[in-house]
Amino acid sequence: MRTHEIPRNYKGEGRILYIFSTKGLIYTTVGAGVGLLFYFIFKMLGLSMVGFIIMLIFAAIGFAIGTLKVPETTAFEITKKTGGENIDNVIMRWIKFKKNNNKIYVYNLEEETKDE
């Protein structure tokens, strides 16, 4: 008698606290770290609540970058090209593109026909 492995759905097993994937948790922590600088600045000015709110906003932005995907829609040029990809991948490609001095090489595959 043979044994057969039954396929299992592994999606979501790498999640921490249900909403955080490892990547999402890292991006949230980095965002909160950046917001923490603003918190200390506003705390010195006596506006600790404003600093805390700004820290939460930066953490939410970090979570969104690490977790969400670009929506697939044809309404905008950017969403036509990057629809369905993770936001952090799109940002990293944009940074690499900017480092490359904005050079794009285009190859024309169409053959030109000359009417004589």
C-alpha atoms as a PDB file:
ATOM      1  CA  MET A   1       0.000   0.000   0.000  1.00  0.00           C
ATOM      2  CA  ARG A   2       1.362   3.418  -0.965  1.00  0.00           C
ATOM      3  CA  THR A   3       1.248   6.639   0.960  1.00  0.00           C
ATOM      4  CA  HIS A   4       0.235   9.833  -0.783  1.00  0.00           C
ATOM      5  CA  GLU A   5       0.787  13.355   0.416  1.00  0.00           C
ATOM      6  CA  ILE A   6      -2.334  15.470   0.528  1.00  0.00           C
ATOM      7  CA  PRO A   7      -1.699  19.032  -0.699  1.00  0.00           C
ATOM      8  CA  ARG A   8      -2.108  21.637   1.974  1.00  0.00           C
ATOM      9  CA  ASN A   9      -2.778  25.339   1.719  1.00  0.00           C
ATOM     10  CA  TYR A  10       0.296  27.001   3.242  1.00  0.00           C
ATOM     11  CA  LYS A  11      -0.891  30.534   2.546  1.00  0.00           C
ATOM     12  CA  GLY A  12      -0.985  32.600   5.709  1.00  0.00           C
ATOM     13  CA  GLU A  13       1.083  30.243   7.869  1.00  0.00           C
ATOM     14  CA  GLY A  14       3.983  32.695   7.931  1.00  0.00           C
ATOM     15  CA  ARG A  15       1.819  35.335   9.579  1.00  0.00           C
ATOM     16  CA  ILE A  16       2.516  36.818  12.982  1.00  0.00           C
ATOM     17  CA  LEU A  17      -0.471  38.086  15.006  1.00  0.00           C
ATOM     18  CA  TYR A  18      -2.703  37.174  12.020  1.00  0.00           C
ATOM     19  CA  ILE A  19      -2.382  40.502  10.153  1.00  0.00           C
ATOM     20  CA  PHE A  20       1.415  40.771  10.046  1.00  0.00           C
ATOM     21  CA  SER A  21       3.511  38.785   7.640  1.00  0.00           C
ATOM     22  CA  THR A  22       7.224  38.879   8.372  1.00  0.00           C
ATOM     23  CA  LYS A  23       7.796  41.493   5.658  1.00  0.00           C
ATOM     24  CA  GLY A  24       4.805  43.559   6.816  1.00  0.00           C
ATOM     25  CA  LEU A  25       6.056  43.510  10.406  1.00  0.00           C
ATOM     26  CA  ILE A  26       9.521  44.681   9.326  1.00  0.00           C
ATOM     27  CA  TYR A  27       8.119  47.552   7.242  1.00  0.00           C
ATOM     28  CA  THR A  28       5.759  48.535  10.083  1.00  0.00           C
ATOM     29  CA  THR A  29       8.650  48.592  12.545  1.00  0.00           C
ATOM     30  CA  VAL A  30      10.787  50.724  10.216  1.00  0.00           C
ATOM     31  CA  GLY A  31       7.871  53.139   9.693  1.00  0.00           C
ATOM     32  CA  ALA A  32       7.286  53.368  13.432  1.00  0.00           C
ATOM     33  CA  GLY A  33      11.023  53.965  13.938  1.00  0.00           C
ATOM     34  CA  VAL A  34      10.929  56.917  11.549  1.00  0.00           C
ATOM     35  CA  GLY A  35       7.788  58.194  13.290  1.00  0.00           C
ATOM     36  CA  LEU A  36       9.520  57.797  16.638  1.00  0.00           C
ATOM     37  CA  LEU A  37      11.945  60.558  15.652  1.00  0.00           C
ATOM     38  CA  PHE A  38       9.000  62.902  15.105  1.00  0.00           C
ATOM     39  CA  TYR A  39       7.490  61.742  18.402  1.00  0.00           C
ATOM     40  CA  PHE A  40      10.600  62.810  20.320  1.00  0.00           C
ATOM     41  CA  ILE A  41      10.721  66.155  18.513  1.00  0.00           C
ATOM     42  CA  PHE A  42       7.077  66.903  19.297  1.00  0.00           C
ATOM     43  CA  LYS A  43       7.477  65.611  22.872  1.00  0.00           C
ATOM     44  CA  MET A  44      10.207  68.209  23.474  1.00  0.00           C
ATOM     45  CA  LEU A  45       7.757  70.853  22.254  1.00  0.00           C
ATOM     46  CA  GLY A  46       5.105  69.587  24.679  1.00  0.00           C
ATOM     47  CA  LEU A  47       2.917  68.019  21.963  1.00  0.00           C
ATOM     48  CA  SER A  48       3.420  64.343  22.709  1.00  0.00           C
ATOM     49  CA  MET A  49      -0.048  63.348  21.459  1.00  0.00           C
ATOM     50  CA  VAL A  50       0.627  64.905  18.039  1.00  0.00           C
ATOM     51  CA  GLY A  51       3.970  63.062  17.895  1.00  0.00           C
ATOM     52  CA  PHE A  52       2.282  59.780  18.793  1.00  0.00           C
ATOM     53  CA  ILE A  53      -0.320  60.247  16.054  1.00  0.00           C
ATOM     54  CA  ILE A  54       2.402  60.991  13.500  1.00  0.00           C
ATOM     55  CA  MET A  55       4.259  57.856  14.631  1.00  0.00           C
ATOM     56  CA  LEU A  56       1.105  55.788  14.098  1.00  0.00           C
ATOM     57  CA  ILE A  57       0.649  57.302  10.630  1.00  0.00           C
ATOM     58  CA  PHE A  58       4.214  56.371   9.654  1.00  0.00           C
ATOM     59  CA  ALA A  59       3.694  52.835  11.012  1.00  0.00           C
ATOM     60  CA  ALA A  60       0.483  52.530   8.951  1.00  0.00           C
ATOM     61  CA  ILE A  61       2.315  53.724   5.834  1.00  0.00           C
ATOM     62  CA  GLY A  62       5.041  51.132   6.470  1.00  0.00           C
ATOM     63  CA  PHE A  63       2.422  48.419   6.926  1.00  0.00           C
ATOM     64  CA  ALA A  64       0.696  49.414   3.679  1.00  0.00           C
ATOM     65  CA  ILE A  65       3.959  49.391   1.718  1.00  0.00           C
ATOM     66  CA  GLY A  66       4.930  45.977   3.075  1.00  0.00           C
ATOM     67  CA  THR A  67       1.539  44.311   2.741  1.00  0.00           C
ATOM     68  CA  LEU A  68      -0.618  45.784  -0.014  1.00  0.00           C
ATOM     69  CA  LYS A  69      -0.435  45.358  -3.772  1.00  0.00           C
ATOM     70  CA  VAL A  70      -0.948  47.867  -6.564  1.00  0.00           C
ATOM     71  CA  PRO A  71      -4.572  47.542  -7.764  1.00  0.00           C
ATOM     72  CA  GLU A  72      -5.173  46.169 -11.245  1.00  0.00           C
ATOM     73  CA  THR A  73      -7.040  48.858 -13.127  1.00  0.00           C
ATOM     74  CA  THR A  74      -6.695  50.438 -16.549  1.00  0.00           C
ATOM     75  CA  ALA A  75      -7.644  53.917 -15.346  1.00  0.00           C
ATOM     76  CA  PHE A  76      -4.048  55.071 -14.882  1.00  0.00           C
ATOM     77  CA  GLU A  77      -0.833  54.413 -16.776  1.00  0.00           C
ATOM     78  CA  ILE A  78       1.071  53.208 -13.696  1.00  0.00           C
ATOM     79  CA  THR A  79      -1.586  50.706 -12.662  1.00  0.00           C
ATOM     80  CA  LYS A  80      -1.684  49.241 -16.176  1.00  0.00           C
ATOM     81  CA  LYS A  81       1.996  48.376 -15.927  1.00  0.00           C
ATOM     82  CA  THR A  82       2.336  47.432 -12.252  1.00  0.00           C
ATOM     83  CA  GLY A  83      -1.100  46.055 -11.373  1.00  0.00           C
ATOM     84  CA  GLY A  84      -0.984  43.125  -8.974  1.00  0.00           C
ATOM     85  CA  GLU A  85       2.624  43.661  -7.835  1.00  0.00           C
ATOM     86  CA  ASN A  86       3.669  44.435  -4.282  1.00  0.00           C
ATOM     87  CA  ILE A  87       4.098  48.138  -3.560  1.00  0.00           C
ATOM     88  CA  ASP A  88       7.574  47.642  -2.080  1.00  0.00           C
ATOM     89  CA  ASN A  89       8.759  45.908  -5.280  1.00  0.00           C
ATOM     90  CA  VAL A  90       7.495  48.810  -7.376  1.00  0.00           C
ATOM     91  CA  ILE A  91       9.269  51.321  -5.111  1.00  0.00           C
ATOM     92  CA  MET A  92      12.533  49.341  -5.237  1.00  0.00           C
ATOM     93  CA  ARG A  93      12.413  49.174  -9.051  1.00  0.00           C
ATOM     94  CA  TRP A  94      11.787  52.929  -9.189  1.00  0.00           C
ATOM     95  CA  ILE A  95      14.807  53.574  -6.940  1.00  0.00           C
ATOM     96  CA  LYS A  96      16.994  51.331  -9.115  1.00  0.00           C
ATOM     97  CA  PHE A  97      15.709  53.127 -12.204  1.00  0.00           C
ATOM     98  CA  LYS A  98      16.611  56.530 -10.722  1.00  0.00           C
ATOM     99  CA  LYS A  99      20.109  55.260  -9.873  1.00  0.00           C
ATOM    100  CA  ASN A 100      20.559  54.185 -13.507  1.00  0.00           C
ATOM    101  CA  ASN A 101      20.463  57.830 -14.692  1.00  0.00           C
ATOM    102  CA  ASN A 102      17.060  57.314 -16.345  1.00  0.00           C
ATOM    103  CA  LYS A 103      18.383  55.380 -19.342  1.00  0.00           C
ATOM    104  CA  ILE A 104      15.889  53.229 -21.147  1.00  0.00           C
ATOM    105  CA  TYR A 105      16.904  51.115 -24.101  1.00  0.00           C
ATOM    106  CA  VAL A 106      14.118  50.354 -26.542  1.00  0.00           C
ATOM    107  CA  TYR A 107      14.458  47.891 -29.374  1.00  0.00           C
ATOM    108  CA  ASN A 108      12.134  48.279 -32.320  1.00  0.00           C
ATOM    109  CA  LEU A 109      11.115  44.843 -33.510  1.00  0.00           C
ATOM    110  CA  GLU A 110       9.025  46.074 -36.412  1.00  0.00           C
ATOM    111  CA  GLU A 111      10.646  46.019 -39.794  1.00  0.00           C
ATOM    112  CA  GLU A 112      10.253  49.114 -41.826  1.00  0.00           C
ATOM    113  CA  THR A 113       8.865  48.616 -45.300  1.00  0.00           C
ATOM    114  CA  LYS A 114       9.858  51.072 -47.947  1.00  0.00           C
ATOM    115  CA  ASP A 115       7.506  51.814 -50.798  1.00  0.00           C
ATOM    116  CA  GLU A 116       9.489  52.734 -53.859  1.00  0.00           C
END
